[in-house]
Amino acid sequence: MAVRFNEDATLVAQIKEGLKRKSGYCPCRLQKTEDTKCICKEFREQIADPGFEGYCHCLLYYKSKD
């Protein structure tokens, strides 16, 4: 298993800027809760799932099975 940034550097820069504006909370979510603090609860659960491969909600991270 490996987690990496999205290969689209422009998208990564935009999301990182959004994270700065929202003090580390997912820029794609309206709520600011511990569940939406990056890396969000949803993606942490997906990382823990051995069958999951794909991007997090905001497309910043990608989890591969390799």
N, C-alpha and C. Protein backbone atom coordinates (compact mmCIF):
# COMPACT_ATOMS: atom_id res chain seq x y z
N MET A 1 0.84 -1.18 0.00
CA MET A 1 0.00 0.00 0.00
C MET A 1 0.88 1.23 0.00
N ALA A 2 0.48 2.23 -0.77
CA ALA A 2 1.20 3.49 -0.82
C ALA A 2 0.19 4.63 -0.98
N VAL A 3 0.47 5.73 -0.31
CA VAL A 3 -0.35 6.94 -0.46
C VAL A 3 0.57 8.02 -1.01
N ARG A 4 0.11 8.67 -2.06
CA ARG A 4 0.91 9.72 -2.70
C ARG A 4 0.02 10.89 -3.08
N PHE A 5 0.65 12.01 -3.43
CA PHE A 5 -0.10 13.14 -3.95
C PHE A 5 -0.59 12.84 -5.36
N ASN A 6 -1.64 13.51 -5.74
CA ASN A 6 -2.14 13.47 -7.11
C ASN A 6 -1.00 13.88 -8.05
N GLU A 7 -0.96 13.31 -9.23
CA GLU A 7 0.09 13.62 -10.20
C GLU A 7 -0.08 15.00 -10.84
N ASP A 8 -1.26 15.59 -10.72
CA ASP A 8 -1.54 16.91 -11.28
C ASP A 8 -1.03 17.99 -10.32
N ALA A 9 0.15 18.53 -10.60
CA ALA A 9 0.78 19.50 -9.69
C ALA A 9 -0.05 20.77 -9.52
N THR A 10 -0.75 21.19 -10.56
CA THR A 10 -1.59 22.39 -10.47
C THR A 10 -2.74 22.15 -9.50
N LEU A 11 -3.38 21.01 -9.61
CA LEU A 11 -4.48 20.66 -8.71
C LEU A 11 -3.98 20.57 -7.26
N VAL A 12 -2.84 19.93 -7.07
CA VAL A 12 -2.26 19.80 -5.72
C VAL A 12 -2.01 21.19 -5.13
N ALA A 13 -1.45 22.10 -5.91
CA ALA A 13 -1.18 23.46 -5.43
C ALA A 13 -2.47 24.17 -5.04
N GLN A 14 -3.52 24.00 -5.83
CA GLN A 14 -4.80 24.64 -5.53
C GLN A 14 -5.40 24.08 -4.24
N ILE A 15 -5.34 22.78 -4.07
CA ILE A 15 -5.90 22.17 -2.87
C ILE A 15 -5.10 22.57 -1.64
N LYS A 16 -3.77 22.61 -1.76
CA LYS A 16 -2.93 23.03 -0.64
C LYS A 16 -3.24 24.47 -0.24
N GLU A 17 -3.49 25.33 -1.22
CA GLU A 17 -3.87 26.72 -0.93
C GLU A 17 -5.20 26.75 -0.19
N GLY A 18 -6.15 25.93 -0.62
CA GLY A 18 -7.43 25.84 0.06
C GLY A 18 -7.28 25.34 1.49
N LEU A 19 -6.38 24.39 1.69
CA LEU A 19 -6.11 23.89 3.05
C LEU A 19 -5.55 25.01 3.94
N LYS A 20 -4.68 25.84 3.39
CA LYS A 20 -4.13 26.98 4.15
C LYS A 20 -5.25 27.94 4.54
N ARG A 21 -6.13 28.24 3.58
CA ARG A 21 -7.23 29.18 3.86
C ARG A 21 -8.18 28.64 4.91
N LYS A 22 -8.33 27.32 4.97
CA LYS A 22 -9.27 26.71 5.91
C LYS A 22 -8.57 26.07 7.10
N SER A 23 -7.34 26.49 7.37
CA SER A 23 -6.58 26.04 8.54
C SER A 23 -6.43 24.52 8.62
N GLY A 24 -6.22 23.89 7.48
CA GLY A 24 -5.99 22.45 7.45
C GLY A 24 -7.23 21.59 7.28
N TYR A 25 -8.39 22.23 7.19
CA TYR A 25 -9.63 21.48 6.96
C TYR A 25 -9.86 21.35 5.47
N CYS A 26 -10.49 20.26 5.08
CA CYS A 26 -10.72 19.97 3.67
C CYS A 26 -11.42 21.15 2.98
N PRO A 27 -10.84 21.67 1.92
CA PRO A 27 -11.47 22.80 1.23
C PRO A 27 -12.74 22.41 0.49
N CYS A 28 -12.98 21.11 0.35
CA CYS A 28 -14.17 20.62 -0.35
C CYS A 28 -15.38 20.47 0.57
N ARG A 29 -15.18 20.62 1.85
CA ARG A 29 -16.24 20.40 2.84
C ARG A 29 -16.64 21.72 3.49
N LEU A 30 -17.91 21.84 3.81
CA LEU A 30 -18.39 23.05 4.47
C LEU A 30 -18.07 23.05 5.96
N GLN A 31 -18.17 21.89 6.59
CA GLN A 31 -17.97 21.80 8.03
C GLN A 31 -16.48 21.77 8.37
N LYS A 32 -16.15 22.36 9.51
CA LYS A 32 -14.80 22.27 10.05
C LYS A 32 -14.88 21.44 11.32
N THR A 33 -14.68 20.14 11.16
CA THR A 33 -14.71 19.21 12.28
C THR A 33 -13.46 18.34 12.21
N GLU A 34 -13.21 17.58 13.26
CA GLU A 34 -12.07 16.66 13.25
C GLU A 34 -12.18 15.67 12.09
N ASP A 35 -13.39 15.34 11.69
CA ASP A 35 -13.60 14.41 10.58
C ASP A 35 -13.17 14.99 9.24
N THR A 36 -13.13 16.34 9.13
CA THR A 36 -12.78 16.98 7.87
C THR A 36 -11.38 17.59 7.89
N LYS A 37 -10.63 17.37 8.96
CA LYS A 37 -9.24 17.82 9.04
C LYS A 37 -8.41 16.90 8.15
N CYS A 38 -7.57 17.48 7.29
CA CYS A 38 -6.78 16.70 6.34
C CYS A 38 -5.69 15.91 7.07
N ILE A 39 -5.50 14.70 6.84
CA ILE A 39 -6.19 13.73 6.01
C ILE A 39 -7.52 13.38 6.70
N CYS A 40 -8.61 13.54 5.99
CA CYS A 40 -9.95 13.42 6.56
C CYS A 40 -10.27 11.99 7.01
N LYS A 41 -11.25 11.90 7.86
CA LYS A 41 -11.67 10.59 8.39
C LYS A 41 -12.06 9.64 7.25
N GLU A 42 -12.78 10.15 6.27
CA GLU A 42 -13.22 9.31 5.16
C GLU A 42 -12.02 8.64 4.48
N PHE A 43 -10.96 9.41 4.20
CA PHE A 43 -9.82 8.83 3.52
C PHE A 43 -8.99 7.95 4.45
N ARG A 44 -8.90 8.29 5.72
CA ARG A 44 -8.21 7.41 6.68
C ARG A 44 -8.87 6.03 6.69
N GLU A 45 -10.20 6.01 6.63
CA GLU A 45 -10.92 4.74 6.59
C GLU A 45 -10.66 4.01 5.27
N GLN A 46 -10.57 4.76 4.18
CA GLN A 46 -10.28 4.15 2.89
C GLN A 46 -8.85 3.60 2.87
N ILE A 47 -7.92 4.30 3.50
CA ILE A 47 -6.54 3.81 3.59
C ILE A 47 -6.51 2.48 4.35
N ALA A 48 -7.31 2.38 5.39
CA ALA A 48 -7.35 1.16 6.20
C ALA A 48 -8.00 -0.01 5.48
N ASP A 49 -8.77 0.26 4.46
CA ASP A 49 -9.46 -0.78 3.69
C ASP A 49 -8.50 -1.38 2.67
N PRO A 50 -8.08 -2.64 2.85
CA PRO A 50 -7.12 -3.23 1.93
C PRO A 50 -7.65 -3.36 0.50
N GLY A 51 -8.94 -3.31 0.30
CA GLY A 51 -9.51 -3.43 -1.03
C GLY A 51 -9.67 -2.11 -1.76
N PHE A 52 -9.43 -1.00 -1.07
CA PHE A 52 -9.64 0.31 -1.70
C PHE A 52 -8.40 0.76 -2.46
N GLU A 53 -8.63 1.26 -3.65
CA GLU A 53 -7.60 1.95 -4.41
C GLU A 53 -8.26 3.14 -5.07
N GLY A 54 -7.70 4.34 -4.89
CA GLY A 54 -8.28 5.52 -5.50
C GLY A 54 -7.92 6.79 -4.78
N TYR A 55 -8.59 7.86 -5.20
CA TYR A 55 -8.33 9.20 -4.67
C TYR A 55 -9.18 9.50 -3.45
N CYS A 56 -8.68 10.41 -2.62
CA CYS A 56 -9.49 10.94 -1.53
C CYS A 56 -10.57 11.85 -2.12
N HIS A 57 -11.46 12.31 -1.27
CA HIS A 57 -12.60 13.12 -1.70
C HIS A 57 -12.18 14.34 -2.53
N CYS A 58 -11.15 15.04 -2.08
CA CYS A 58 -10.77 16.29 -2.77
C CYS A 58 -9.71 16.07 -3.85
N LEU A 59 -9.30 14.82 -4.05
CA LEU A 59 -8.34 14.43 -5.09
C LEU A 59 -6.90 14.81 -4.78
N LEU A 60 -6.60 15.18 -3.54
CA LEU A 60 -5.22 15.53 -3.18
C LEU A 60 -4.35 14.28 -3.10
N TYR A 61 -4.87 13.22 -2.49
CA TYR A 61 -4.11 12.00 -2.27
C TYR A 61 -4.66 10.84 -3.09
N TYR A 62 -3.76 9.90 -3.39
CA TYR A 62 -4.14 8.67 -4.07
C TYR A 62 -3.57 7.50 -3.30
N LYS A 63 -4.40 6.50 -3.04
CA LYS A 63 -3.94 5.29 -2.38
C LYS A 63 -3.91 4.16 -3.40
N SER A 64 -2.74 3.54 -3.51
CA SER A 64 -2.61 2.38 -4.38
C SER A 64 -2.43 1.13 -3.54
N LYS A 65 -2.75 0.00 -4.11
CA LYS A 65 -2.63 -1.27 -3.39
C LYS A 65 -1.19 -1.78 -3.39
N ASP A 66 -0.35 -1.25 -4.27
CA ASP A 66 1.03 -1.73 -4.39
C ASP A 66 1.85 -1.39 -3.17
